[in-house]
C-alpha atoms as a PDB file:
ATOM      1  CA  MET A   1      13.158   8.475 -89.514  1.00  0.00           C
ATOM      2  CA  LYS A   2      14.370  12.091 -90.471  1.00  0.00           C
ATOM      3  CA  VAL A   3      14.403  13.232 -87.113  1.00  0.00           C
ATOM      4  CA  LEU A   4      15.907  10.203 -85.890  1.00  0.00           C
ATOM      5  CA  ILE A   5      18.887  10.960 -88.673  1.00  0.00           C
ATOM      6  CA  LEU A   6      18.842  14.642 -87.544  1.00  0.00           C
ATOM      7  CA  VAL A   7      19.210  14.038 -84.360  1.00  0.00           C
ATOM      8  CA  LEU A   8      21.868  11.558 -84.193  1.00  0.00           C
ATOM      9  CA  SER A   9      24.319  13.369 -86.644  1.00  0.00           C
ATOM     10  CA  PHE A  10      23.548  16.758 -84.113  1.00  0.00           C
ATOM     11  CA  LEU A  11      24.830  14.741 -81.284  1.00  0.00           C
ATOM     12  CA  PHE A  12      27.342  12.598 -83.173  1.00  0.00           C
ATOM     13  CA  ILE A  13      28.987  16.374 -84.121  1.00  0.00           C
ATOM     14  CA  ASN A  14      28.733  17.708 -80.811  1.00  0.00           C
ATOM     15  CA  VAL A  15      30.607  15.001 -79.233  1.00  0.00           C
ATOM     16  CA  ASN A  16      33.517  15.229 -82.010  1.00  0.00           C
ATOM     17  CA  LEU A  17      33.717  18.957 -81.455  1.00  0.00           C
ATOM     18  CA  THR A  18      34.223  18.253 -77.581  1.00  0.00           C
ATOM     19  CA  ASP A  19      37.964  19.394 -76.214  1.00  0.00           C
ATOM     20  CA  GLU A  20      40.301  16.635 -75.321  1.00  0.00           C
ATOM     21  CA  ILE A  21      42.663  16.674 -72.471  1.00  0.00           C
ATOM     22  CA  PRO A  22      45.918  16.691 -74.038  1.00  0.00           C
ATOM     23  CA  SER A  23      48.015  14.126 -73.119  1.00  0.00           C
ATOM     24  CA  LYS A  24      50.819  15.964 -71.460  1.00  0.00           C
ATOM     25  CA  ILE A  25      48.608  16.768 -68.885  1.00  0.00           C
ATOM     26  CA  TYR A  26      48.215  13.437 -68.280  1.00  0.00           C
ATOM     27  CA  GLU A  27      51.926  12.870 -67.700  1.00  0.00           C
ATOM     28  CA  MET A  28      52.000  16.381 -65.484  1.00  0.00           C
ATOM     29  CA  ALA A  29      48.873  15.071 -63.267  1.00  0.00           C
ATOM     30  CA  LYS A  30      49.225  11.442 -62.614  1.00  0.00           C
ATOM     31  CA  ARG A  31      48.066   9.808 -59.763  1.00  0.00           C
ATOM     32  CA  ASN A  32      49.770  10.975 -56.220  1.00  0.00           C
ATOM     33  CA  GLN A  33      51.170  14.075 -57.746  1.00  0.00           C
ATOM     34  CA  ALA A  34      51.386  17.167 -56.170  1.00  0.00           C
ATOM     35  CA  VAL A  35      49.123  20.197 -56.678  1.00  0.00           C
ATOM     36  CA  TYR A  36      49.585  23.811 -55.279  1.00  0.00           C
ATOM     37  CA  LEU A  37      45.889  25.384 -55.503  1.00  0.00           C
ATOM     38  CA  GLU A  38      45.886  28.937 -56.418  1.00  0.00           C
ATOM     39  CA  SER A  39      42.715  31.214 -56.685  1.00  0.00           C
ATOM     40  CA  HIS A  40      41.817  35.345 -56.562  1.00  0.00           C
ATOM     41  CA  ASP A  41      38.991  33.422 -54.157  1.00  0.00           C
ATOM     42  CA  ASP A  42      40.727  31.902 -50.839  1.00  0.00           C
ATOM     43  CA  ASN A  43      37.530  30.255 -49.701  1.00  0.00           C
ATOM     44  CA  ALA A  44      37.697  28.516 -53.034  1.00  0.00           C
ATOM     45  CA  VAL A  45      40.828  26.979 -53.151  1.00  0.00           C
ATOM     46  CA  ILE A  46      40.063  25.399 -49.524  1.00  0.00           C
ATOM     47  CA  HIS A  47      36.969  24.256 -50.849  1.00  0.00           C
ATOM     48  CA  LEU A  48      38.733  22.553 -54.039  1.00  0.00           C
ATOM     49  CA  LYS A  49      41.505  21.621 -51.336  1.00  0.00           C
ATOM     50  CA  ASN A  50      38.623  19.401 -49.365  1.00  0.00           C
ATOM     51  CA  ALA A  51      37.456  17.999 -52.744  1.00  0.00           C
ATOM     52  CA  ILE A  52      40.477  16.913 -54.106  1.00  0.00           C
ATOM     53  CA  GLU A  53      41.845  15.256 -50.901  1.00  0.00           C
ATOM     54  CA  SER A  54      38.422  13.350 -50.177  1.00  0.00           C
ATOM     55  CA  TRP A  55      38.899  12.369 -53.859  1.00  0.00           C
ATOM     56  CA  GLY A  56      42.606  11.407 -52.651  1.00  0.00           C
ATOM     57  CA  TYR A  57      43.804  11.164 -56.467  1.00  0.00           C
ATOM     58  CA  TRP A  58      46.120  14.027 -56.283  1.00  0.00           C
ATOM     59  CA  LYS A  59      48.153  15.475 -52.941  1.00  0.00           C
ATOM     60  CA  VAL A  60      47.632  18.911 -52.412  1.00  0.00           C
ATOM     61  CA  VAL A  61      50.876  21.388 -51.242  1.00  0.00           C
ATOM     62  CA  ASP A  62      50.924  24.701 -49.714  1.00  0.00           C
ATOM     63  CA  ASN A  63      54.327  25.455 -51.294  1.00  0.00           C
ATOM     64  CA  LYS A  64      54.440  25.965 -55.322  1.00  0.00           C
ATOM     65  CA  SER A  65      58.091  24.867 -55.167  1.00  0.00           C
ATOM     66  CA  GLU A  66      56.482  21.485 -53.834  1.00  0.00           C
ATOM     67  CA  ALA A  67      54.188  21.150 -56.740  1.00  0.00           C
ATOM     68  CA  ASP A  68      54.248  18.904 -59.987  1.00  0.00           C
ATOM     69  CA  PHE A  69      51.855  20.864 -61.072  1.00  0.00           C
ATOM     70  CA  MET A  70      49.268  24.003 -59.958  1.00  0.00           C
ATOM     71  CA  LEU A  71      45.455  24.285 -60.587  1.00  0.00           C
ATOM     72  CA  LYS A  72      44.258  27.998 -60.944  1.00  0.00           C
ATOM     73  CA  ILE A  73      40.853  28.650 -59.873  1.00  0.00           C
ATOM     74  CA  TYR A  74      38.719  30.939 -61.612  1.00  0.00           C
ATOM     75  CA  LEU A  75      35.164  31.892 -60.586  1.00  0.00           C
ATOM     76  CA  ARG A  76      32.302  33.988 -61.259  1.00  0.00           C
ATOM     77  CA  PHE A  77      28.815  34.300 -60.369  1.00  0.00           C
ATOM     78  CA  GLU A  78      25.461  34.905 -62.236  1.00  0.00           C
ATOM     79  CA  GLY A  79      21.908  34.901 -61.384  1.00  0.00           C
ATOM     80  CA  ALA A  80      20.702  33.954 -58.055  1.00  0.00           C
ATOM     81  CA  GLY A  81      23.629  32.229 -56.608  1.00  0.00           C
ATOM     82  CA  VAL A  82      24.843  30.249 -59.443  1.00  0.00           C
ATOM     83  CA  CYS A  83      28.798  29.990 -59.198  1.00  0.00           C
ATOM     84  CA  ILE A  84      30.755  29.251 -62.689  1.00  0.00           C
ATOM     85  CA  THR A  85      33.940  28.041 -62.527  1.00  0.00           C
ATOM     86  CA  ASN A  86      36.985  26.218 -64.288  1.00  0.00           C
ATOM     87  CA  ALA A  87      40.632  25.624 -63.952  1.00  0.00           C
ATOM     88  CA  THR A  88      43.960  25.818 -65.820  1.00  0.00           C
ATOM     89  CA  PHE A  89      46.720  23.606 -65.307  1.00  0.00           C
ATOM     90  CA  ILE A  90      49.874  25.250 -65.262  1.00  0.00           C
ATOM     91  CA  ASN A  91      53.454  23.956 -65.283  1.00  0.00           C
ATOM     92  CA  PRO A  92      55.081  25.748 -61.842  1.00  0.00           C
ATOM     93  CA  LYS A  93      58.487  25.664 -63.051  1.00  0.00           C
ATOM     94  CA  THR A  94      57.823  27.881 -66.145  1.00  0.00           C
ATOM     95  CA  ASP A  95      54.257  28.989 -65.190  1.00  0.00           C
ATOM     96  CA  ASN A  96      53.363  28.736 -68.774  1.00  0.00           C
ATOM     97  CA  VAL A  97      49.409  27.465 -69.383  1.00  0.00           C
ATOM     98  CA  VAL A  98      49.255  23.878 -70.074  1.00  0.00           C
ATOM     99  CA  TYR A  99      45.405  23.853 -70.415  1.00  0.00           C
ATOM    100  CA  SER A 100      42.124  25.379 -69.272  1.00  0.00           C
ATOM    101  CA  THR A 101      38.678  22.672 -68.367  1.00  0.00           C
ATOM    102  CA  GLU A 102      35.571  23.589 -69.862  1.00  0.00           C
ATOM    103  CA  GLU A 103      33.238  25.323 -66.982  1.00  0.00           C
ATOM    104  CA  VAL A 104      31.190  23.701 -64.873  1.00  0.00           C
ATOM    105  CA  THR A 105      28.649  25.210 -62.563  1.00  0.00           C
ATOM    106  CA  SER A 106      26.937  24.921 -58.758  1.00  0.00           C
ATOM    107  CA  VAL A 107      24.692  21.923 -58.643  1.00  0.00           C
ATOM    108  CA  LYS A 108      21.224  23.646 -58.508  1.00  0.00           C
ATOM    109  CA  GLN A 109      19.473  19.857 -58.502  1.00  0.00           C
ATOM    110  CA  ALA A 110      17.285  18.731 -55.368  1.00  0.00           C
ATOM    111  CA  LYS A 111      20.359  15.660 -55.686  1.00  0.00           C
ATOM    112  CA  GLY A 112      23.783  17.135 -54.017  1.00  0.00           C
ATOM    113  CA  PHE A 113      22.074  20.387 -53.599  1.00  0.00           C
ATOM    114  CA  ASP A 114      24.220  22.769 -51.508  1.00  0.00           C
ATOM    115  CA  PHE A 115      23.184  26.368 -50.326  1.00  0.00           C
ATOM    116  CA  ASN A 116      26.933  27.324 -50.548  1.00  0.00           C
ATOM    117  CA  THR A 117      27.344  27.839 -54.173  1.00  0.00           C
ATOM    118  CA  LYS A 118      30.839  27.856 -54.500  1.00  0.00           C
ATOM    119  CA  ARG A 119      31.487  24.576 -52.296  1.00  0.00           C
ATOM    120  CA  SER A 120      29.163  23.190 -54.666  1.00  0.00           C
ATOM    121  CA  ALA A 121      30.913  24.532 -57.934  1.00  0.00           C
ATOM    122  CA  MET A 122      34.678  23.105 -56.413  1.00  0.00           C
ATOM    123  CA  ARG A 123      33.050  19.778 -56.128  1.00  0.00           C
ATOM    124  CA  GLN A 124      31.395  19.736 -59.346  1.00  0.00           C
ATOM    125  CA  LEU A 125      35.075  20.416 -60.995  1.00  0.00           C
ATOM    126  CA  VAL A 126      36.014  17.579 -59.181  1.00  0.00           C
ATOM    127  CA  GLU A 127      33.085  15.224 -59.764  1.00  0.00           C
ATOM    128  CA  GLN A 128      32.644  16.499 -63.613  1.00  0.00           C
ATOM    129  CA  ILE A 129      35.777  17.053 -64.619  1.00  0.00           C
ATOM    130  CA  PHE A 130      38.719  15.559 -62.735  1.00  0.00           C
ATOM    131  CA  LYS A 131      37.372  12.189 -61.599  1.00  0.00           C
ATOM    132  CA  PRO A 132      36.025  11.320 -65.446  1.00  0.00           C
ATOM    133  CA  ASN A 133      39.114  12.368 -66.753  1.00  0.00           C
ATOM    134  CA  PHE A 134      41.488  11.032 -64.224  1.00  0.00           C
ATOM    135  CA  GLN A 135      41.441   7.405 -63.118  1.00  0.00           C
END
């Protein structure tokens, strides 16, 4: 019984410590809003653009001046082909950072495995961060 209480307490504490997306992000990044993607890695932009367009929630634009918000993508590699990424929401008119997402990693399990870890990480950003929070 003590173990069960300890486990439930741990889960409750962890749930309450997770960051919530600020409400201003939901206003900025509504359905059908225009998003401009930016990264130090052009292929990451291409992969994220494909994943977002496949999802169909936002419209990806090629010019920052047309965007309602920007997503700046950061990625790094660890170990044997693991890509870790996160996105930062930026106001395109002021270039101010509004919010940064948690990091996600490329898929390593058989289900959904992709040899292109960068593409996998961009898909996971959409599947794990964007889809659950923006519907």
